[in-house]
Amino acid sequence: MKPTRGSKNLRTRRFSEVGAFYSITTATVDREPLLKTPTCARLVINVFQWLEDQGRIEIFALVVMPDHVHGIFELKLNSPSKVVHSLKSFSANKINEALGRTGPVWQPQYFERRVRSEKELRERARYILENPVRKGLVMDERDYLYFALGFSLD
């Protein structure tokens, strides 16, 4: 049986490499701006930092937008899909609790790409850090509050 587009089956034959960098993007269900509150945006950042503290990833760049998240990390353990699963399951419970709601928080699918060069790593990081500026949330990416970096912007 051929897997449908966006299906979990598409990822079953993927190879994950510990020590490689991965770029991920995941969106909230129906692109609802569930992450627009400071509490929810910080929750997502805290979950990424928890994953780092657990030795599963090392954050390179992370931006939490009102309706989606961009992250780049070095994989230290497991696979990107397990990292994203942990991110979504733990944060969904906390976000629902903070917002006094129930139901799904995240769309089931996400975008993942292995970063293959230092140049691509810097370009992708710059792109995600400029996302709040492109969306009109701030004039300068340094003014956006919901990001984490493992490198200097300069």
Protein backbone atom coordinates (compact mmCIF):
# COMPACT_ATOMS: atom_id res chain seq x y z
CA MET A 1 0.00 0.00 0.00
CA LYS A 2 1.38 3.39 -0.98
CA PRO A 3 1.56 5.86 1.96
CA THR A 4 -0.42 9.07 1.62
CA ARG A 5 1.31 12.42 1.52
CA GLY A 6 2.08 13.64 5.03
CA SER A 7 1.63 10.18 6.48
CA LYS A 8 3.78 8.83 9.29
CA ASN A 9 4.73 6.01 6.91
CA LEU A 10 6.78 8.41 4.82
CA ARG A 11 9.24 8.73 7.69
CA THR A 12 9.64 5.04 8.52
CA ARG A 13 12.54 4.46 6.14
CA ARG A 14 14.38 7.65 6.94
CA PHE A 15 17.92 7.51 8.24
CA SER A 16 18.79 9.76 11.18
CA GLU A 17 22.35 10.57 12.05
CA VAL A 18 23.44 11.50 15.54
CA GLY A 19 25.70 14.55 15.28
CA ALA A 20 23.91 15.92 12.22
CA PHE A 21 21.92 19.14 12.20
CA TYR A 22 18.20 19.10 11.44
CA SER A 23 15.81 21.90 10.61
CA ILE A 24 12.19 21.35 11.65
CA THR A 25 9.01 23.33 11.23
CA THR A 26 5.75 22.40 12.88
CA ALA A 27 2.47 24.30 12.97
CA THR A 28 -0.43 24.51 15.35
CA VAL A 29 -3.70 22.81 14.46
CA ASP A 30 -5.52 24.81 11.77
CA ARG A 31 -2.77 27.42 12.19
CA GLU A 32 -4.54 28.78 15.27
CA PRO A 33 -2.33 31.37 17.02
CA LEU A 34 -2.12 29.26 20.18
CA LEU A 35 1.48 30.32 20.80
CA LYS A 36 0.85 34.09 20.75
CA THR A 37 0.77 34.40 24.53
CA PRO A 38 4.10 34.77 26.32
CA THR A 39 3.24 31.81 28.55
CA CYS A 40 2.70 29.42 25.63
CA ALA A 41 5.67 30.68 23.61
CA ARG A 42 7.94 30.23 26.65
CA LEU A 43 6.50 26.74 27.23
CA VAL A 44 7.68 25.66 23.78
CA ILE A 45 11.13 27.15 24.32
CA ASN A 46 11.30 25.44 27.72
CA VAL A 47 10.45 22.06 26.17
CA PHE A 48 13.26 22.49 23.62
CA GLN A 49 15.60 23.42 26.47
CA TRP A 50 14.41 20.36 28.42
CA LEU A 51 15.22 18.18 25.39
CA GLU A 52 18.66 19.77 25.35
CA ASP A 53 19.12 19.20 29.09
CA GLN A 54 18.18 15.53 28.52
CA GLY A 55 21.07 15.25 26.05
CA ARG A 56 18.78 14.57 23.07
CA ILE A 57 19.54 17.74 21.09
CA GLU A 58 21.70 20.83 21.09
CA ILE A 59 19.76 23.91 20.02
CA PHE A 60 21.29 25.94 17.23
CA ALA A 61 18.36 28.27 16.50
CA LEU A 62 14.73 28.35 17.53
CA VAL A 63 11.85 30.75 16.86
CA VAL A 64 8.34 30.38 18.25
CA MET A 65 5.80 32.19 16.10
CA PRO A 66 2.11 32.58 17.06
CA ASP A 67 1.06 29.60 14.91
CA HIS A 68 4.24 27.64 14.18
CA VAL A 69 7.75 26.82 15.37
CA HIS A 70 11.05 26.72 13.50
CA GLY A 71 13.99 24.94 15.06
CA ILE A 72 17.46 23.88 14.09
CA PHE A 73 19.26 21.46 16.36
CA GLU A 74 22.11 19.02 16.42
CA LEU A 75 20.78 15.53 17.05
CA LYS A 76 22.47 13.95 20.06
CA LEU A 77 20.19 10.94 20.66
CA ASN A 78 17.31 9.08 18.96
CA SER A 79 15.84 10.61 15.80
CA PRO A 80 14.28 13.92 14.75
CA SER A 81 10.84 12.26 14.71
CA LYS A 82 11.22 11.19 18.36
CA VAL A 83 12.38 14.69 19.29
CA VAL A 84 9.36 16.24 17.55
CA HIS A 85 7.03 13.69 19.15
CA SER A 86 8.35 14.58 22.61
CA LEU A 87 8.11 18.30 21.84
CA LYS A 88 4.52 18.04 20.65
CA SER A 89 3.17 15.68 23.30
CA PHE A 90 4.67 17.44 26.31
CA SER A 91 4.01 20.99 25.08
CA ALA A 92 0.43 20.19 24.00
CA ASN A 93 -0.51 19.16 27.53
CA LYS A 94 1.07 22.28 29.02
CA ILE A 95 -0.39 24.65 26.39
CA ASN A 96 -3.88 23.23 26.83
CA GLU A 97 -3.55 23.61 30.59
CA ALA A 98 -2.32 27.22 30.24
CA LEU A 99 -5.12 28.16 27.85
CA GLY A 100 -7.85 26.24 29.67
CA ARG A 101 -8.68 24.24 26.57
CA THR A 102 -8.70 20.65 25.37
CA GLY A 103 -8.00 19.04 22.03
CA PRO A 104 -5.10 18.94 19.64
CA VAL A 105 -2.52 21.71 19.67
CA TRP A 106 -0.28 20.61 16.80
CA GLN A 107 -0.91 19.50 13.25
CA PRO A 108 0.13 15.84 12.97
CA GLN A 109 2.66 16.45 10.21
CA TYR A 110 5.82 18.52 10.33
CA PHE A 111 8.64 19.45 7.98
CA GLU A 112 12.11 18.08 8.64
CA ARG A 113 15.31 18.55 6.68
CA ARG A 114 18.85 17.50 7.38
CA VAL A 115 21.21 20.46 7.10
CA ARG A 116 24.16 19.40 4.99
CA SER A 117 26.68 22.23 5.21
CA GLU A 118 27.86 25.07 7.43
CA LYS A 119 26.66 27.56 4.81
CA GLU A 120 23.16 26.01 4.75
CA LEU A 121 23.11 25.97 8.56
CA ARG A 122 23.79 29.72 8.75
CA GLU A 123 21.34 30.51 5.93
CA ARG A 124 18.53 28.51 7.54
CA ALA A 125 19.22 30.06 10.94
CA ARG A 126 19.15 33.56 9.46
CA TYR A 127 15.91 32.74 7.62
CA ILE A 128 14.08 31.54 10.73
CA LEU A 129 15.38 34.40 12.88
CA GLU A 130 14.06 36.89 10.32
CA ASN A 131 10.61 35.25 10.30
CA PRO A 132 9.13 37.61 12.95
CA VAL A 133 10.29 40.60 10.87
CA ARG A 134 8.77 39.19 7.66
CA LYS A 135 5.49 38.59 9.52
CA GLY A 136 5.47 42.19 10.81
CA LEU A 137 5.76 41.24 14.49
CA VAL A 138 8.94 43.29 15.06
CA MET A 139 11.15 45.66 13.09
CA ASP A 140 14.41 43.94 14.10
CA GLU A 141 14.80 40.22 14.85
CA ARG A 142 16.73 41.11 18.01
CA ASP A 143 13.52 42.63 19.40
CA TYR A 144 11.56 39.38 19.17
CA LEU A 145 11.27 37.71 22.56
CA TYR A 146 10.56 34.09 21.64
CA PHE A 147 13.78 32.67 20.29
CA ALA A 148 16.80 30.73 21.48
CA LEU A 149 20.24 30.59 19.92
CA GLY A 150 23.29 28.43 20.20
CA PHE A 151 25.42 30.97 18.30
CA SER A 152 26.02 34.72 18.02
CA LEU A 153 23.91 36.82 15.65
CA ASP A 154 26.97 38.84 14.64
